[in-house]
C-alpha atoms as a PDB file:
ATOM      1  CA  MET A   1       0.000   0.000   0.000  1.00  0.00           C
ATOM      2  CA  THR A   2       2.836   2.347   0.842  1.00  0.00           C
ATOM      3  CA  SER A   3       4.480   1.665  -2.523  1.00  0.00           C
ATOM      4  CA  MET A   4       1.243   2.463  -4.338  1.00  0.00           C
ATOM      5  CA  ASN A   5       0.924   5.807  -2.488  1.00  0.00           C
ATOM      6  CA  ARG A   6       4.479   6.724  -3.479  1.00  0.00           C
ATOM      7  CA  MET A   7       3.755   6.017  -7.148  1.00  0.00           C
ATOM      8  CA  LEU A   8       0.615   8.173  -7.051  1.00  0.00           C
ATOM      9  CA  ALA A   9       2.479  11.033  -5.365  1.00  0.00           C
ATOM     10  CA  THR A  10       5.246  10.884  -7.960  1.00  0.00           C
ATOM     11  CA  GLY A  11       2.752  10.949 -10.832  1.00  0.00           C
ATOM     12  CA  LEU A  12       0.880  13.923  -9.376  1.00  0.00           C
ATOM     13  CA  GLY A  13       4.177  15.736  -8.932  1.00  0.00           C
ATOM     14  CA  LEU A  14       5.071  15.265 -12.594  1.00  0.00           C
ATOM     15  CA  LEU A  15       1.648  16.518 -13.660  1.00  0.00           C
ATOM     16  CA  ALA A  16       2.118  19.599 -11.508  1.00  0.00           C
ATOM     17  CA  LEU A  17       5.348  20.384 -13.330  1.00  0.00           C
ATOM     18  CA  VAL A  18       3.704  20.484 -16.773  1.00  0.00           C
ATOM     19  CA  PRO A  19       1.727  23.754 -16.272  1.00  0.00           C
ATOM     20  CA  LEU A  20       4.828  25.363 -14.768  1.00  0.00           C
ATOM     21  CA  SER A  21       6.868  24.472 -17.865  1.00  0.00           C
ATOM     22  CA  VAL A  22       4.160  25.833 -20.168  1.00  0.00           C
ATOM     23  CA  ARG A  23       3.986  29.023 -18.174  1.00  0.00           C
ATOM     24  CA  GLY A  24       7.776  29.307 -18.293  1.00  0.00           C
ATOM     25  CA  LEU A  25       7.793  29.008 -22.088  1.00  0.00           C
ATOM     26  CA  ALA A  26       4.979  31.550 -22.368  1.00  0.00           C
ATOM     27  CA  ALA A  27       6.902  33.977 -20.169  1.00  0.00           C
ATOM     28  CA  GLN A  28      10.035  33.551 -22.300  1.00  0.00           C
ATOM     29  CA  GLU A  29       8.059  34.157 -25.487  1.00  0.00           C
ATOM     30  CA  ALA A  30       6.428  37.271 -24.013  1.00  0.00           C
ATOM     31  CA  GLY A  31       9.847  38.531 -22.933  1.00  0.00           C
ATOM     32  CA  ALA A  32      11.262  37.985 -26.424  1.00  0.00           C
ATOM     33  CA  GLN A  33       8.356  39.860 -27.999  1.00  0.00           C
ATOM     34  CA  GLN A  34       8.817  42.746 -25.555  1.00  0.00           C
ATOM     35  CA  ALA A  35      12.557  42.872 -26.306  1.00  0.00           C
ATOM     36  CA  LYS A  36      11.788  42.964 -30.036  1.00  0.00           C
ATOM     37  CA  LYS A  37       9.350  45.821 -29.487  1.00  0.00           C
ATOM     38  CA  VAL A  38      11.893  47.815 -27.473  1.00  0.00           C
ATOM     39  CA  SER A  39      14.541  47.185 -30.163  1.00  0.00           C
ATOM     40  CA  SER A  40      12.243  48.468 -32.935  1.00  0.00           C
ATOM     41  CA  GLN A  41      11.750  51.710 -31.026  1.00  0.00           C
ATOM     42  CA  ALA A  42      15.421  52.175 -30.143  1.00  0.00           C
ATOM     43  CA  ASN A  43      16.067  54.608 -32.963  1.00  0.00           C
ATOM     44  CA  ASP A  44      13.377  57.047 -31.773  1.00  0.00           C
ATOM     45  CA  PRO A  45      15.128  60.066 -30.209  1.00  0.00           C
ATOM     46  CA  VAL A  46      14.300  60.797 -26.558  1.00  0.00           C
ATOM     47  CA  VAL A  47      13.965  64.436 -25.488  1.00  0.00           C
ATOM     48  CA  SER A  48      13.232  66.572 -22.444  1.00  0.00           C
ATOM     49  CA  LEU A  49      11.644  69.941 -23.105  1.00  0.00           C
ATOM     50  CA  ASP A  50      10.038  72.843 -21.225  1.00  0.00           C
ATOM     51  CA  PHE A  51       7.826  74.437 -23.910  1.00  0.00           C
ATOM     52  CA  ALA A  52       6.415  77.876 -23.082  1.00  0.00           C
ATOM     53  CA  GLY A  53       3.588  77.585 -25.603  1.00  0.00           C
ATOM     54  CA  GLY A  54       3.127  78.720 -29.185  1.00  0.00           C
ATOM     55  CA  SER A  55       2.449  77.293 -32.626  1.00  0.00           C
ATOM     56  CA  LEU A  56       2.966  73.700 -33.706  1.00  0.00           C
ATOM     57  CA  ALA A  57       5.763  74.925 -35.993  1.00  0.00           C
ATOM     58  CA  LYS A  58       7.492  76.496 -32.977  1.00  0.00           C
ATOM     59  CA  PHE A  59       7.067  73.268 -30.993  1.00  0.00           C
ATOM     60  CA  ALA A  60       8.651  71.245 -33.819  1.00  0.00           C
ATOM     61  CA  ALA A  61      11.575  73.682 -33.938  1.00  0.00           C
ATOM     62  CA  ALA A  62      12.073  73.215 -30.191  1.00  0.00           C
ATOM     63  CA  LEU A  63      12.127  69.422 -30.616  1.00  0.00           C
ATOM     64  CA  ARG A  64      14.754  69.724 -33.357  1.00  0.00           C
ATOM     65  CA  GLU A  65      16.871  71.931 -31.100  1.00  0.00           C
ATOM     66  CA  VAL A  66      16.929  69.600 -28.080  1.00  0.00           C
ATOM     67  CA  GLY A  67      16.916  66.322 -30.070  1.00  0.00           C
ATOM     68  CA  ASP A  68      19.645  64.510 -31.948  1.00  0.00           C
ATOM     69  CA  ASP A  69      19.069  64.948 -35.709  1.00  0.00           C
ATOM     70  CA  VAL A  70      15.265  65.016 -35.365  1.00  0.00           C
ATOM     71  CA  ASN A  71      13.555  64.926 -38.791  1.00  0.00           C
ATOM     72  CA  ILE A  72      10.086  66.526 -38.761  1.00  0.00           C
ATOM     73  CA  VAL A  73       8.115  67.404 -41.899  1.00  0.00           C
ATOM     74  CA  LEU A  74       5.349  70.009 -41.427  1.00  0.00           C
ATOM     75  CA  PRO A  75       2.678  71.591 -43.640  1.00  0.00           C
ATOM     76  CA  SER A  76       2.205  75.358 -43.747  1.00  0.00           C
ATOM     77  CA  LEU A  77      -0.865  75.075 -41.473  1.00  0.00           C
ATOM     78  CA  ALA A  78       1.439  74.190 -38.570  1.00  0.00           C
ATOM     79  CA  THR A  79       1.924  77.915 -37.957  1.00  0.00           C
ATOM     80  CA  GLU A  80      -1.816  78.284 -37.232  1.00  0.00           C
ATOM     81  CA  VAL A  81      -2.105  75.492 -34.646  1.00  0.00           C
ATOM     82  CA  ASP A  82      -1.702  77.007 -31.164  1.00  0.00           C
ATOM     83  CA  LEU A  83      -0.409  74.826 -28.324  1.00  0.00           C
ATOM     84  CA  PRO A  84      -0.402  75.492 -24.565  1.00  0.00           C
ATOM     85  CA  ALA A  85       2.700  75.369 -22.390  1.00  0.00           C
ATOM     86  CA  LEU A  86       3.883  71.831 -21.685  1.00  0.00           C
ATOM     87  CA  VAL A  87       6.771  69.927 -20.148  1.00  0.00           C
ATOM     88  CA  LEU A  88       8.324  66.735 -21.525  1.00  0.00           C
ATOM     89  CA  SER A  89      10.620  64.514 -19.477  1.00  0.00           C
ATOM     90  CA  ARG A  90      12.510  61.834 -21.425  1.00  0.00           C
ATOM     91  CA  ALA A  91       9.738  61.334 -23.956  1.00  0.00           C
ATOM     92  CA  SER A  92      10.228  59.918 -27.437  1.00  0.00           C
ATOM     93  CA  VAL A  93       9.781  62.396 -30.281  1.00  0.00           C
ATOM     94  CA  GLU A  94       7.102  60.166 -31.790  1.00  0.00           C
ATOM     95  CA  SER A  95       5.072  60.157 -28.548  1.00  0.00           C
ATOM     96  CA  ALA A  96       5.521  63.903 -28.115  1.00  0.00           C
ATOM     97  CA  LEU A  97       4.189  64.658 -31.603  1.00  0.00           C
ATOM     98  CA  LYS A  98       1.322  62.173 -31.408  1.00  0.00           C
ATOM     99  CA  SER A  99       0.165  63.686 -28.106  1.00  0.00           C
ATOM    100  CA  ILE A 100      -0.410  67.032 -29.845  1.00  0.00           C
ATOM    101  CA  GLY A 101      -3.691  65.746 -31.277  1.00  0.00           C
ATOM    102  CA  SER A 102      -5.215  65.633 -27.776  1.00  0.00           C
ATOM    103  CA  ILE A 103      -4.237  69.161 -26.731  1.00  0.00           C
ATOM    104  CA  ALA A 104      -4.492  71.091 -30.006  1.00  0.00           C
ATOM    105  CA  SER A 105      -7.427  73.385 -30.686  1.00  0.00           C
ATOM    106  CA  GLU A 106     -10.653  71.746 -31.874  1.00  0.00           C
ATOM    107  CA  ASP A 107     -10.303  73.832 -35.037  1.00  0.00           C
ATOM    108  CA  PHE A 108      -7.591  71.458 -36.300  1.00  0.00           C
ATOM    109  CA  ARG A 109      -6.969  67.748 -36.582  1.00  0.00           C
ATOM    110  CA  VAL A 110      -3.315  66.794 -36.133  1.00  0.00           C
ATOM    111  CA  GLU A 111      -1.952  63.374 -37.121  1.00  0.00           C
ATOM    112  CA  VAL A 112       1.580  61.955 -37.224  1.00  0.00           C
ATOM    113  CA  ALA A 113       3.020  59.235 -39.480  1.00  0.00           C
ATOM    114  CA  THR A 114       6.458  57.817 -38.661  1.00  0.00           C
ATOM    115  CA  LEU A 115       8.542  56.814 -41.698  1.00  0.00           C
ATOM    116  CA  ARG A 116      11.306  54.395 -40.769  1.00  0.00           C
ATOM    117  CA  SER A 117      14.305  53.275 -42.818  1.00  0.00           C
ATOM    118  CA  ALA A 118      17.260  51.021 -42.137  1.00  0.00           C
ATOM    119  CA  LEU A 119      19.501  53.733 -43.621  1.00  0.00           C
ATOM    120  CA  GLY A 120      18.951  56.347 -40.929  1.00  0.00           C
ATOM    121  CA  LYS A 121      16.747  57.899 -38.304  1.00  0.00           C
ATOM    122  CA  PRO A 122      12.963  58.085 -38.700  1.00  0.00           C
ATOM    123  CA  VAL A 123      11.119  60.965 -40.351  1.00  0.00           C
ATOM    124  CA  TYR A 124       7.998  62.243 -38.567  1.00  0.00           C
ATOM    125  CA  ALA A 125       5.440  63.442 -41.095  1.00  0.00           C
ATOM    126  CA  VAL A 126       2.872  65.706 -39.431  1.00  0.00           C
ATOM    127  CA  SER A 127      -0.440  66.412 -41.159  1.00  0.00           C
ATOM    128  CA  VAL A 128      -2.788  69.231 -40.150  1.00  0.00           C
ATOM    129  CA  ARG A 129      -6.385  69.449 -41.372  1.00  0.00           C
ATOM    130  CA  PRO A 130      -8.851  72.177 -40.398  1.00  0.00           C
ATOM    131  CA  THR A 131     -12.236  71.060 -39.142  1.00  0.00           C
ATOM    132  CA  SER A 132     -15.354  71.876 -41.189  1.00  0.00           C
ATOM    133  CA  ASN A 133     -16.056  75.013 -39.146  1.00  0.00           C
ATOM    134  CA  LYS A 134     -12.545  76.451 -39.409  1.00  0.00           C
ATOM    135  CA  ARG A 135     -11.523  78.742 -42.267  1.00  0.00           C
ATOM    136  CA  THR A 136      -7.804  79.385 -42.527  1.00  0.00           C
ATOM    137  CA  ALA A 137      -5.393  81.105 -44.860  1.00  0.00           C
ATOM    138  CA  ALA A 138      -5.071  77.782 -46.689  1.00  0.00           C
ATOM    139  CA  THR A 139      -8.829  77.108 -47.002  1.00  0.00           C
ATOM    140  CA  THR A 140     -10.185  80.586 -47.655  1.00  0.00           C
ATOM    141  CA  PRO A 141     -10.732  81.216 -51.404  1.00  0.00           C
ATOM    142  CA  ASN A 142      -8.667  83.812 -53.267  1.00  0.00           C
ATOM    143  CA  THR A 143      -5.907  83.926 -50.659  1.00  0.00           C
ATOM    144  CA  GLN A 144      -2.211  84.105 -51.277  1.00  0.00           C
ATOM    145  CA  ALA A 145      -1.837  80.429 -50.210  1.00  0.00           C
ATOM    146  CA  ASN A 146      -4.114  79.214 -52.995  1.00  0.00           C
ATOM    147  CA  ASP A 147      -2.785  81.711 -55.535  1.00  0.00           C
ATOM    148  CA  GLN A 148       0.831  80.719 -54.974  1.00  0.00           C
ATOM    149  CA  PRO A 149       2.407  80.117 -58.399  1.00  0.00           C
ATOM    150  CA  THR A 150       3.888  76.755 -59.332  1.00  0.00           C
ATOM    151  CA  ARG A 151       7.253  76.053 -60.910  1.00  0.00           C
ATOM    152  CA  VAL A 152       9.316  73.122 -62.108  1.00  0.00           C
ATOM    153  CA  ASP A 153      12.509  72.062 -60.323  1.00  0.00           C
ATOM    154  CA  VAL A 154      14.941  69.258 -61.165  1.00  0.00           C
ATOM    155  CA  PHE A 155      16.902  67.068 -58.729  1.00  0.00           C
ATOM    156  CA  SER A 156      19.624  64.524 -59.496  1.00  0.00           C
ATOM    157  CA  LEU A 157      19.269  61.195 -57.674  1.00  0.00           C
ATOM    158  CA  LYS A 158      22.577  59.721 -58.918  1.00  0.00           C
ATOM    159  CA  PHE A 159      24.277  60.156 -55.541  1.00  0.00           C
ATOM    160  CA  LEU A 160      21.550  58.066 -53.902  1.00  0.00           C
ATOM    161  CA  THR A 161      20.973  55.425 -56.577  1.00  0.00           C
ATOM    162  CA  SER A 162      24.527  54.829 -57.880  1.00  0.00           C
ATOM    163  CA  THR A 163      27.918  53.985 -56.430  1.00  0.00           C
ATOM    164  CA  VAL A 164      30.558  56.688 -56.215  1.00  0.00           C
ATOM    165  CA  PRO A 165      34.355  56.568 -56.682  1.00  0.00           C
ATOM    166  CA  GLY A 166      35.969  55.187 -53.557  1.00  0.00           C
ATOM    167  CA  ASP A 167      33.236  52.702 -52.665  1.00  0.00           C
ATOM    168  CA  ILE A 168      34.759  49.465 -51.434  1.00  0.00           C
ATOM    169  CA  GLY A 169      32.958  46.153 -51.814  1.00  0.00           C
ATOM    170  CA  ASP A 170      29.917  46.043 -49.554  1.00  0.00           C
ATOM    171  CA  GLY A 171      30.450  49.705 -48.725  1.00  0.00           C
ATOM    172  CA  ALA A 172      28.603  50.712 -51.895  1.00  0.00           C
ATOM    173  CA  VAL A 173      25.453  52.000 -50.170  1.00  0.00           C
ATOM    174  CA  THR A 174      22.619  52.924 -52.535  1.00  0.00           C
ATOM    175  CA  ILE A 175      18.846  53.454 -52.388  1.00  0.00           C
ATOM    176  CA  LYS A 176      16.349  52.148 -54.907  1.00  0.00           C
ATOM    177  CA  PRO A 177      14.571  54.855 -56.940  1.00  0.00           C
ATOM    178  CA  GLU A 178      11.227  53.378 -55.860  1.00  0.00           C
ATOM    179  CA  THR A 179      12.111  54.002 -52.202  1.00  0.00           C
ATOM    180  CA  ILE A 180      13.029  57.634 -52.931  1.00  0.00           C
ATOM    181  CA  LEU A 181       9.842  58.259 -54.923  1.00  0.00           C
ATOM    182  CA  THR A 182       7.734  56.719 -52.158  1.00  0.00           C
ATOM    183  CA  ALA A 183       9.324  59.002 -49.558  1.00  0.00           C
ATOM    184  CA  VAL A 184       8.760  62.089 -51.744  1.00  0.00           C
ATOM    185  CA  ASP A 185       5.165  61.093 -52.501  1.00  0.00           C
ATOM    186  CA  THR A 186       4.469  60.493 -48.800  1.00  0.00           C
ATOM    187  CA  GLY A 187       5.905  63.872 -47.830  1.00  0.00           C
ATOM    188  CA  LEU A 188       3.914  65.738 -50.469  1.00  0.00           C
ATOM    189  CA  GLY A 189       0.779  63.780 -49.560  1.00  0.00           C
ATOM    190  CA  ILE A 190       0.582  65.210 -46.037  1.00  0.00           C
ATOM    191  CA  GLY A 191       0.387  68.804 -47.320  1.00  0.00           C
ATOM    192  CA  SER A 192      -2.991  70.525 -47.468  1.00  0.00           C
ATOM    193  CA  GLY A 193      -2.262  72.882 -50.352  1.00  0.00           C
ATOM    194  CA  ALA A 194      -4.753  73.506 -53.122  1.00  0.00           C
ATOM    195  CA  SER A 195      -2.378  72.445 -55.903  1.00  0.00           C
ATOM    196  CA  GLU A 196      -1.575  68.873 -56.925  1.00  0.00           C
ATOM    197  CA  PRO A 197       2.212  68.466 -57.367  1.00  0.00           C
ATOM    198  CA  VAL A 198       3.445  66.509 -60.399  1.00  0.00           C
ATOM    199  CA  ILE A 199       6.360  64.037 -60.062  1.00  0.00           C
ATOM    200  CA  ARG A 200       8.291  62.545 -62.980  1.00  0.00           C
ATOM    201  CA  TYR A 201      11.437  60.372 -62.769  1.00  0.00           C
ATOM    202  CA  HIS A 202      13.725  59.797 -65.780  1.00  0.00           C
ATOM    203  CA  GLN A 203      15.576  56.560 -65.030  1.00  0.00           C
ATOM    204  CA  ASP A 204      18.318  56.795 -67.682  1.00  0.00           C
ATOM    205  CA  SER A 205      19.508  60.218 -66.497  1.00  0.00           C
ATOM    206  CA  GLY A 206      18.630  59.768 -62.833  1.00  0.00           C
ATOM    207  CA  LEU A 207      16.763  63.095 -62.783  1.00  0.00           C
ATOM    208  CA  LEU A 208      13.641  63.802 -60.743  1.00  0.00           C
ATOM    209  CA  PHE A 209      11.272  66.504 -62.043  1.00  0.00           C
ATOM    210  CA  ILE A 210       8.852  68.193 -59.627  1.00  0.00           C
ATOM    211  CA  LYS A 211       6.137  70.687 -60.556  1.00  0.00           C
ATOM    212  CA  GLY A 212       4.628  72.417 -57.539  1.00  0.00           C
ATOM    213  CA  THR A 213       4.583  75.432 -55.276  1.00  0.00           C
ATOM    214  CA  GLY A 214       7.642  76.852 -53.591  1.00  0.00           C
ATOM    215  CA  LEU A 215       6.721  75.113 -50.317  1.00  0.00           C
ATOM    216  CA  GLU A 216       6.338  71.756 -52.069  1.00  0.00           C
ATOM    217  CA  ILE A 217       9.679  72.143 -53.851  1.00  0.00           C
ATOM    218  CA  ALA A 218      11.345  73.030 -50.533  1.00  0.00           C
ATOM    219  CA  LEU A 219       9.794  69.945 -48.920  1.00  0.00           C
ATOM    220  CA  VAL A 220      11.193  67.665 -51.637  1.00  0.00           C
ATOM    221  CA  ARG A 221      14.608  69.290 -51.278  1.00  0.00           C
ATOM    222  CA  GLN A 222      14.562  68.649 -47.504  1.00  0.00           C
ATOM    223  CA  ILE A 223      13.575  64.981 -47.964  1.00  0.00           C
ATOM    224  CA  LEU A 224      16.372  64.355 -50.487  1.00  0.00           C
ATOM    225  CA  ARG A 225      18.922  66.216 -48.360  1.00  0.00           C
ATOM    226  CA  ASN A 226      18.107  64.043 -45.325  1.00  0.00           C
ATOM    227  CA  MET A 227      18.442  60.858 -47.374  1.00  0.00           C
ATOM    228  CA  GLU A 228      21.764  62.035 -48.845  1.00  0.00           C
ATOM    229  CA  ASN A 229      23.115  62.774 -45.351  1.00  0.00           C
ATOM    230  CA  ASP A 230      22.180  59.267 -44.209  1.00  0.00           C
ATOM    231  CA  VAL A 231      23.831  57.616 -47.235  1.00  0.00           C
ATOM    232  CA  ARG A 232      26.952  59.756 -46.848  1.00  0.00           C
ATOM    233  CA  ARG A 233      27.368  58.730 -43.200  1.00  0.00           C
ATOM    234  CA  LEU A 234      26.882  55.046 -44.020  1.00  0.00           C
ATOM    235  CA  ARG A 235      29.424  55.180 -46.863  1.00  0.00           C
ATOM    236  CA  GLU A 236      32.026  56.847 -44.664  1.00  0.00           C
ATOM    237  CA  ALA A 237      31.467  54.252 -41.929  1.00  0.00           C
ATOM    238  CA  SER A 238      31.792  51.398 -44.455  1.00  0.00           C
ATOM    239  CA  LYS A 239      35.041  52.796 -45.863  1.00  0.00           C
ATOM    240  CA  LEU A 240      36.491  53.221 -42.380  1.00  0.00           C
ATOM    241  CA  GLU A 241      35.574  49.646 -41.490  1.00  0.00           C
ATOM    242  CA  ALA A 242      37.180  48.367 -44.723  1.00  0.00           C
ATOM    243  CA  VAL A 243      40.414  50.244 -43.943  1.00  0.00           C
ATOM    244  CA  MET A 244      40.526  48.812 -40.410  1.00  0.00           C
ATOM    245  CA  GLN A 245      39.983  45.277 -41.708  1.00  0.00           C
ATOM    246  CA  LYS A 246      42.778  45.747 -44.256  1.00  0.00           C
ATOM    247  CA  LYS A 247      45.171  46.923 -41.555  1.00  0.00           C
ATOM    248  CA  GLN A 248      44.322  43.956 -39.370  1.00  0.00           C
ATOM    249  CA  ALA A 249      44.830  41.537 -42.274  1.00  0.00           C
ATOM    250  CA  THR A 250      48.229  43.107 -43.056  1.00  0.00           C
ATOM    251  CA  ALA A 251      49.337  43.103 -39.439  1.00  0.00           C
ATOM    252  CA  GLY A 252      48.714  39.350 -39.122  1.00  0.00           C
ATOM    253  CA  PRO A 253      51.388  38.116 -41.602  1.00  0.00           C
ATOM    254  CA  LYS A 254      53.943  40.652 -40.328  1.00  0.00           C
ATOM    255  CA  ALA A 255      53.466  39.425 -36.793  1.00  0.00           C
ATOM    256  CA  ASN A 256      54.014  35.831 -37.896  1.00  0.00           C
ATOM    257  CA  GLN A 257      57.208  36.774 -39.780  1.00  0.00           C
ATOM    258  CA  ALA A 258      58.566  38.543 -36.730  1.00  0.00           C
ATOM    259  CA  ARG A 259      58.176  35.338 -34.753  1.00  0.00           C
END
């Protein structure tokens, strides 16, 4: 009888261990998912800011000043959105911008889209739309905003899409034209201007043609400049790494000869 009781106790003990093992695996999986989430947000700059109040454009300028290479794209209506004084303590730029929608005036609807790329830091595209009862300089007929003339400007994408002299092996960092055009189209899409910009890309020459207002042309120029800065930094880092590897490879045989 005693032997039978021992066998039952052992069996019950093994059954009790099964839920614990399942819970342990579930906890590990949850921890891995949380770590992945934290890693995906690691490139979002963190800022602390004491903002005295003012327009959304002024708030964005303050974020750029206290942040590390913060990329924010704004429409012209950002100057008409008034914000109260606020204090940020170690908040991500993305969270700071997305919180604006809850404290901005009811006359405007503010939304933020975060554009991420493996080549550099994210770009925060802010869109501002007036509500149906709000008439602004951009929505009132026959205003200077709607009468702004359009022009055609041309940009060369060769630096982004092609290798340059001095690239070494895997250090030839380039961006596909489709990625560039998507970024430009996204940036122009958040504007609330009356005109519809026209984009044309000539693949053989690597030239990008833009027809739009002065603000739209300036926005495209800013997008391309940010992408060029990212590619330039990556190319310089790749070249430096290639030089260091070459030195290490050369130092190895010399050390063996000295022995």
